[in-house]
N, C-alpha and C. Protein backbone atom coordinates (compact mmCIF):
# COMPACT_ATOMS: atom_id res chain seq x y z
N MET A 1 -7.76 -35.25 -5.71
CA MET A 1 -6.44 -34.63 -5.81
C MET A 1 -6.60 -33.11 -5.82
N THR A 2 -5.82 -32.45 -4.99
CA THR A 2 -5.86 -31.00 -4.89
C THR A 2 -4.81 -30.41 -5.83
N THR A 3 -5.22 -29.42 -6.60
CA THR A 3 -4.29 -28.73 -7.47
C THR A 3 -3.76 -27.50 -6.73
N LEU A 4 -2.45 -27.41 -6.60
CA LEU A 4 -1.85 -26.28 -5.90
C LEU A 4 -1.79 -25.08 -6.83
N LYS A 5 -2.03 -23.91 -6.26
CA LYS A 5 -1.95 -22.67 -7.02
C LYS A 5 -0.49 -22.23 -7.14
N THR A 6 -0.22 -21.42 -8.15
CA THR A 6 1.11 -20.85 -8.32
C THR A 6 1.33 -19.83 -7.21
N ALA A 7 2.47 -19.95 -6.55
CA ALA A 7 2.77 -19.06 -5.43
C ALA A 7 3.55 -17.84 -5.90
N ASN A 8 2.87 -16.70 -6.00
CA ASN A 8 3.58 -15.44 -6.19
C ASN A 8 3.18 -14.55 -5.01
N SER A 9 3.90 -13.47 -4.81
CA SER A 9 3.66 -12.68 -3.59
C SER A 9 2.24 -12.16 -3.49
N GLU A 10 1.62 -11.79 -4.62
CA GLU A 10 0.25 -11.28 -4.57
C GLU A 10 -0.76 -12.36 -4.21
N SER A 11 -0.58 -13.57 -4.76
CA SER A 11 -1.52 -14.65 -4.45
C SER A 11 -1.35 -15.13 -3.01
N ILE A 12 -0.10 -15.16 -2.53
CA ILE A 12 0.12 -15.53 -1.13
C ILE A 12 -0.48 -14.47 -0.22
N MET A 13 -0.28 -13.21 -0.57
CA MET A 13 -0.84 -12.11 0.22
C MET A 13 -2.36 -12.21 0.30
N ALA A 14 -3.01 -12.49 -0.81
CA ALA A 14 -4.48 -12.63 -0.83
C ALA A 14 -4.91 -13.77 0.09
N ALA A 15 -4.20 -14.89 0.05
CA ALA A 15 -4.54 -16.04 0.90
C ALA A 15 -4.32 -15.72 2.37
N VAL A 16 -3.25 -14.98 2.67
CA VAL A 16 -2.97 -14.57 4.05
C VAL A 16 -4.10 -13.69 4.58
N LEU A 17 -4.48 -12.68 3.80
CA LEU A 17 -5.54 -11.77 4.24
C LEU A 17 -6.86 -12.49 4.42
N LYS A 18 -7.16 -13.42 3.52
CA LYS A 18 -8.40 -14.20 3.62
C LYS A 18 -8.40 -15.04 4.90
N SER A 19 -7.30 -15.72 5.17
CA SER A 19 -7.20 -16.54 6.36
C SER A 19 -7.32 -15.70 7.64
N LEU A 20 -6.62 -14.57 7.67
CA LEU A 20 -6.68 -13.70 8.86
C LEU A 20 -8.11 -13.21 9.09
N ASP A 21 -8.79 -12.82 8.02
CA ASP A 21 -10.16 -12.34 8.13
C ASP A 21 -11.09 -13.45 8.61
N GLU A 22 -10.97 -14.62 8.01
CA GLU A 22 -11.84 -15.74 8.38
C GLU A 22 -11.64 -16.18 9.82
N ASN A 23 -10.45 -15.98 10.35
CA ASN A 23 -10.13 -16.42 11.70
C ASN A 23 -10.17 -15.30 12.73
N LYS A 24 -10.83 -14.21 12.35
CA LYS A 24 -11.14 -13.10 13.27
C LYS A 24 -9.93 -12.35 13.79
N ALA A 25 -8.87 -12.27 12.99
CA ALA A 25 -7.75 -11.42 13.37
C ALA A 25 -8.22 -9.97 13.34
N GLU A 26 -7.64 -9.15 14.18
CA GLU A 26 -8.04 -7.75 14.30
C GLU A 26 -6.90 -6.83 13.88
N GLU A 27 -7.27 -5.60 13.53
CA GLU A 27 -6.32 -4.54 13.20
C GLU A 27 -5.24 -5.02 12.23
N ILE A 28 -5.69 -5.55 11.10
CA ILE A 28 -4.77 -6.08 10.09
C ILE A 28 -4.15 -4.92 9.31
N VAL A 29 -2.82 -4.89 9.27
CA VAL A 29 -2.09 -3.85 8.56
C VAL A 29 -1.18 -4.52 7.54
N GLN A 30 -1.22 -4.01 6.30
CA GLN A 30 -0.36 -4.50 5.23
C GLN A 30 0.75 -3.49 4.99
N ILE A 31 1.97 -3.97 4.87
CA ILE A 31 3.11 -3.10 4.61
C ILE A 31 3.87 -3.66 3.41
N SER A 32 4.04 -2.85 2.38
CA SER A 32 4.82 -3.27 1.23
C SER A 32 6.30 -3.14 1.55
N LEU A 33 7.04 -4.21 1.31
CA LEU A 33 8.48 -4.19 1.55
C LEU A 33 9.27 -4.11 0.24
N ALA A 34 8.55 -4.05 -0.87
CA ALA A 34 9.20 -4.00 -2.18
C ALA A 34 10.15 -2.80 -2.24
N GLY A 35 11.40 -3.06 -2.55
CA GLY A 35 12.40 -2.00 -2.62
C GLY A 35 12.93 -1.55 -1.27
N LYS A 36 12.38 -2.08 -0.17
CA LYS A 36 12.82 -1.70 1.17
C LYS A 36 13.60 -2.81 1.85
N SER A 37 13.31 -4.05 1.46
CA SER A 37 13.93 -5.19 2.12
C SER A 37 14.02 -6.36 1.15
N SER A 38 15.07 -7.12 1.29
CA SER A 38 15.22 -8.30 0.44
C SER A 38 14.60 -9.54 1.07
N MET A 39 14.12 -9.44 2.32
CA MET A 39 13.60 -10.62 3.00
C MET A 39 12.23 -11.05 2.50
N ALA A 40 11.41 -10.11 2.00
CA ALA A 40 10.07 -10.44 1.54
C ALA A 40 9.51 -9.24 0.77
N ASP A 41 8.40 -9.48 0.06
CA ASP A 41 7.73 -8.40 -0.67
C ASP A 41 6.68 -7.69 0.18
N HIS A 42 6.11 -8.43 1.16
CA HIS A 42 5.03 -7.88 1.97
C HIS A 42 5.19 -8.32 3.42
N MET A 43 4.70 -7.46 4.31
CA MET A 43 4.59 -7.79 5.72
C MET A 43 3.15 -7.53 6.14
N VAL A 44 2.62 -8.40 6.96
CA VAL A 44 1.28 -8.22 7.49
C VAL A 44 1.39 -8.30 9.01
N ILE A 45 0.73 -7.37 9.67
CA ILE A 45 0.70 -7.36 11.13
C ILE A 45 -0.76 -7.42 11.55
N ALA A 46 -1.06 -8.32 12.49
CA ALA A 46 -2.44 -8.49 12.94
C ALA A 46 -2.44 -8.81 14.43
N SER A 47 -3.61 -8.70 15.03
CA SER A 47 -3.75 -9.00 16.46
C SER A 47 -4.80 -10.06 16.69
N GLY A 48 -4.59 -10.80 17.78
CA GLY A 48 -5.59 -11.71 18.32
C GLY A 48 -5.84 -11.29 19.75
N ARG A 49 -7.00 -11.61 20.28
CA ARG A 49 -7.38 -11.10 21.61
C ARG A 49 -6.68 -11.81 22.76
N SER A 50 -6.20 -13.04 22.54
CA SER A 50 -5.60 -13.82 23.62
C SER A 50 -4.47 -14.68 23.04
N THR A 51 -3.67 -15.27 23.93
CA THR A 51 -2.61 -16.15 23.46
C THR A 51 -3.20 -17.31 22.67
N ARG A 52 -4.31 -17.83 23.11
CA ARG A 52 -4.96 -18.95 22.41
C ARG A 52 -5.39 -18.53 21.01
N GLN A 53 -5.99 -17.34 20.88
CA GLN A 53 -6.44 -16.89 19.56
C GLN A 53 -5.24 -16.58 18.66
N VAL A 54 -4.20 -15.97 19.19
CA VAL A 54 -3.00 -15.67 18.39
C VAL A 54 -2.43 -16.97 17.82
N THR A 55 -2.29 -17.98 18.67
CA THR A 55 -1.77 -19.27 18.23
C THR A 55 -2.68 -19.91 17.20
N SER A 56 -3.97 -19.86 17.42
CA SER A 56 -4.94 -20.45 16.50
C SER A 56 -4.91 -19.76 15.13
N ILE A 57 -4.88 -18.43 15.14
CA ILE A 57 -4.81 -17.66 13.88
C ILE A 57 -3.58 -18.08 13.09
N ALA A 58 -2.44 -18.17 13.77
CA ALA A 58 -1.18 -18.53 13.10
C ALA A 58 -1.22 -19.96 12.56
N GLU A 59 -1.72 -20.89 13.36
CA GLU A 59 -1.79 -22.29 12.92
C GLU A 59 -2.71 -22.46 11.72
N LYS A 60 -3.84 -21.80 11.74
CA LYS A 60 -4.77 -21.89 10.61
C LYS A 60 -4.19 -21.22 9.37
N LEU A 61 -3.43 -20.16 9.55
CA LEU A 61 -2.76 -19.51 8.43
C LEU A 61 -1.72 -20.44 7.80
N VAL A 62 -0.92 -21.07 8.63
CA VAL A 62 0.09 -22.02 8.14
C VAL A 62 -0.58 -23.14 7.35
N ASP A 63 -1.68 -23.67 7.88
CA ASP A 63 -2.42 -24.74 7.19
C ASP A 63 -2.97 -24.26 5.85
N ALA A 64 -3.53 -23.06 5.83
CA ALA A 64 -4.11 -22.52 4.59
C ALA A 64 -3.05 -22.34 3.51
N ILE A 65 -1.88 -21.81 3.88
CA ILE A 65 -0.80 -21.60 2.91
C ILE A 65 -0.27 -22.95 2.39
N LYS A 66 -0.18 -23.92 3.29
CA LYS A 66 0.28 -25.25 2.87
C LYS A 66 -0.73 -25.90 1.92
N GLN A 67 -2.02 -25.81 2.27
CA GLN A 67 -3.07 -26.41 1.44
C GLN A 67 -3.15 -25.77 0.07
N GLU A 68 -3.06 -24.44 0.03
CA GLU A 68 -3.26 -23.71 -1.22
C GLU A 68 -2.04 -23.71 -2.13
N PHE A 69 -0.84 -23.60 -1.53
CA PHE A 69 0.37 -23.43 -2.34
C PHE A 69 1.43 -24.51 -2.14
N GLY A 70 1.26 -25.36 -1.14
CA GLY A 70 2.27 -26.36 -0.84
C GLY A 70 3.48 -25.79 -0.12
N ILE A 71 3.35 -24.59 0.41
CA ILE A 71 4.46 -23.93 1.12
C ILE A 71 4.43 -24.33 2.59
N VAL A 72 5.55 -24.82 3.08
CA VAL A 72 5.68 -25.13 4.50
C VAL A 72 6.31 -23.89 5.14
N SER A 73 5.50 -23.14 5.84
CA SER A 73 5.96 -21.88 6.45
C SER A 73 6.81 -22.14 7.68
N LYS A 74 7.77 -21.27 7.89
CA LYS A 74 8.55 -21.29 9.12
C LYS A 74 7.76 -20.49 10.16
N VAL A 75 7.72 -21.01 11.39
CA VAL A 75 6.93 -20.37 12.45
C VAL A 75 7.79 -20.21 13.70
N GLU A 76 7.71 -19.03 14.30
CA GLU A 76 8.41 -18.76 15.56
C GLU A 76 7.40 -18.20 16.56
N GLY A 77 7.53 -18.58 17.83
CA GLY A 77 6.71 -18.01 18.88
C GLY A 77 5.40 -18.72 19.17
N ARG A 78 5.18 -19.85 18.53
CA ARG A 78 3.90 -20.56 18.68
C ARG A 78 3.68 -21.02 20.12
N THR A 79 4.73 -21.38 20.84
CA THR A 79 4.55 -21.94 22.18
C THR A 79 4.07 -20.91 23.20
N THR A 80 4.48 -19.64 23.05
CA THR A 80 4.05 -18.63 24.02
C THR A 80 2.75 -17.94 23.60
N GLY A 81 2.57 -17.74 22.29
CA GLY A 81 1.33 -17.12 21.81
C GLY A 81 1.22 -15.63 22.01
N ASP A 82 2.31 -14.98 22.41
CA ASP A 82 2.29 -13.52 22.56
C ASP A 82 2.54 -12.84 21.21
N TRP A 83 3.48 -13.42 20.46
CA TRP A 83 3.88 -12.89 19.15
C TRP A 83 4.29 -14.08 18.31
N VAL A 84 3.52 -14.38 17.30
CA VAL A 84 3.85 -15.49 16.42
C VAL A 84 4.22 -14.92 15.06
N LEU A 85 5.39 -15.33 14.56
CA LEU A 85 5.86 -14.91 13.25
C LEU A 85 5.70 -16.08 12.29
N VAL A 86 5.05 -15.83 11.16
CA VAL A 86 4.89 -16.84 10.12
C VAL A 86 5.60 -16.34 8.87
N ASP A 87 6.60 -17.10 8.43
CA ASP A 87 7.35 -16.77 7.23
C ASP A 87 6.82 -17.62 6.09
N ALA A 88 6.02 -17.00 5.23
CA ALA A 88 5.44 -17.70 4.08
C ALA A 88 6.17 -17.33 2.80
N GLY A 89 7.47 -17.14 2.90
CA GLY A 89 8.27 -16.80 1.72
C GLY A 89 8.22 -15.32 1.43
N ASP A 90 7.45 -14.92 0.41
CA ASP A 90 7.37 -13.52 0.02
C ASP A 90 6.49 -12.68 0.93
N VAL A 91 5.82 -13.33 1.89
CA VAL A 91 4.96 -12.61 2.84
C VAL A 91 5.33 -13.04 4.26
N ILE A 92 5.67 -12.06 5.09
CA ILE A 92 5.97 -12.29 6.50
C ILE A 92 4.77 -11.81 7.30
N VAL A 93 4.28 -12.65 8.22
CA VAL A 93 3.10 -12.30 9.00
C VAL A 93 3.46 -12.32 10.48
N HIS A 94 3.08 -11.25 11.17
CA HIS A 94 3.25 -11.15 12.62
C HIS A 94 1.84 -11.12 13.23
N VAL A 95 1.59 -12.03 14.16
CA VAL A 95 0.31 -12.03 14.88
C VAL A 95 0.64 -11.81 16.35
N PHE A 96 0.07 -10.75 16.91
CA PHE A 96 0.39 -10.33 18.27
C PHE A 96 -0.84 -10.34 19.18
N ARG A 97 -0.57 -10.46 20.48
CA ARG A 97 -1.56 -10.03 21.47
C ARG A 97 -1.47 -8.50 21.47
N PRO A 98 -2.58 -7.78 21.69
CA PRO A 98 -2.57 -6.32 21.59
C PRO A 98 -1.49 -5.63 22.43
N GLU A 99 -1.25 -6.09 23.66
CA GLU A 99 -0.27 -5.44 24.53
C GLU A 99 1.14 -5.60 23.97
N VAL A 100 1.43 -6.75 23.42
CA VAL A 100 2.75 -7.02 22.87
C VAL A 100 2.95 -6.20 21.59
N ARG A 101 1.91 -6.13 20.78
CA ARG A 101 1.97 -5.33 19.56
C ARG A 101 2.24 -3.87 19.88
N GLU A 102 1.57 -3.36 20.88
CA GLU A 102 1.76 -1.96 21.29
C GLU A 102 3.19 -1.74 21.77
N PHE A 103 3.74 -2.68 22.49
CA PHE A 103 5.11 -2.56 23.01
C PHE A 103 6.14 -2.49 21.88
N TYR A 104 6.04 -3.37 20.89
CA TYR A 104 7.05 -3.42 19.83
C TYR A 104 6.81 -2.42 18.69
N GLN A 105 5.58 -2.06 18.43
CA GLN A 105 5.23 -1.05 17.43
C GLN A 105 5.95 -1.23 16.08
N LEU A 106 5.86 -2.44 15.52
CA LEU A 106 6.50 -2.72 14.24
C LEU A 106 6.02 -1.82 13.11
N GLU A 107 4.74 -1.45 13.14
CA GLU A 107 4.22 -0.59 12.08
C GLU A 107 5.02 0.70 11.96
N LYS A 108 5.35 1.29 13.11
CA LYS A 108 6.09 2.55 13.10
C LYS A 108 7.48 2.37 12.53
N MET A 109 8.07 1.21 12.75
CA MET A 109 9.42 0.96 12.26
C MET A 109 9.46 0.95 10.72
N TRP A 110 8.36 0.59 10.08
CA TRP A 110 8.35 0.45 8.63
C TRP A 110 7.63 1.58 7.92
N GLN A 111 7.25 2.64 8.64
CA GLN A 111 6.62 3.78 7.98
C GLN A 111 7.64 4.50 7.11
N PRO A 112 7.18 5.17 6.04
CA PRO A 112 8.11 5.90 5.17
C PRO A 112 8.94 6.90 5.97
N GLY A 113 10.25 6.90 5.68
CA GLY A 113 11.15 7.85 6.35
C GLY A 113 11.63 7.44 7.72
N MET A 114 11.22 6.23 8.16
CA MET A 114 11.62 5.77 9.48
C MET A 114 12.18 4.34 9.39
N GLY A 115 12.87 3.92 10.41
CA GLY A 115 13.27 2.52 10.55
C GLY A 115 14.24 2.03 9.50
N PRO A 116 14.27 0.71 9.31
CA PRO A 116 15.28 0.08 8.44
C PRO A 116 15.21 0.53 6.99
N ALA A 117 14.08 1.02 6.55
CA ALA A 117 13.92 1.39 5.15
C ALA A 117 14.50 2.77 4.83
N SER A 118 14.73 3.59 5.85
CA SER A 118 15.16 4.96 5.57
C SER A 118 16.67 5.04 5.43
N GLU A 119 17.07 5.95 4.60
CA GLU A 119 18.49 6.22 4.43
C GLU A 119 18.67 7.73 4.55
N GLU A 120 19.18 8.15 5.69
CA GLU A 120 19.31 9.58 5.93
C GLU A 120 20.76 9.99 5.95
C-alpha cells in the first residue's frame, strides 16, 4: 500500500522539479504566482528537444504527481507535443519544444512590472 503525501504547493513544486530533472527537461524556469494570480501559486516552464520528448516529460510528470499525491492533473496539448500544459492544482507546468517556447515567451509575460501581474 502506497501512502500519499500531503499536497501543498511547495511539496507539489518539489515533485514537479524532480520529475522534470529526472526526465531531462531543459531550461527549467520557476515563476512564483503568489499574489499575482489566483489560478496557482507557482508556474514552471521547461523545454523538451522534440515533440516526443515534450509528450514524454508531461506524461511522466502527470504519473509522478498522481503516484505521490493522488492528484489527477488536467493536461492540454498532449496530442501535438509542441506545448503541453499540466495543471497540478497549485502548480501549473508548461513543457514546450524550444521553437514554440521562443514564439510565446511566457517567461517575459510574468516578469515583474510586465504582463498580467502588473498594474500601471
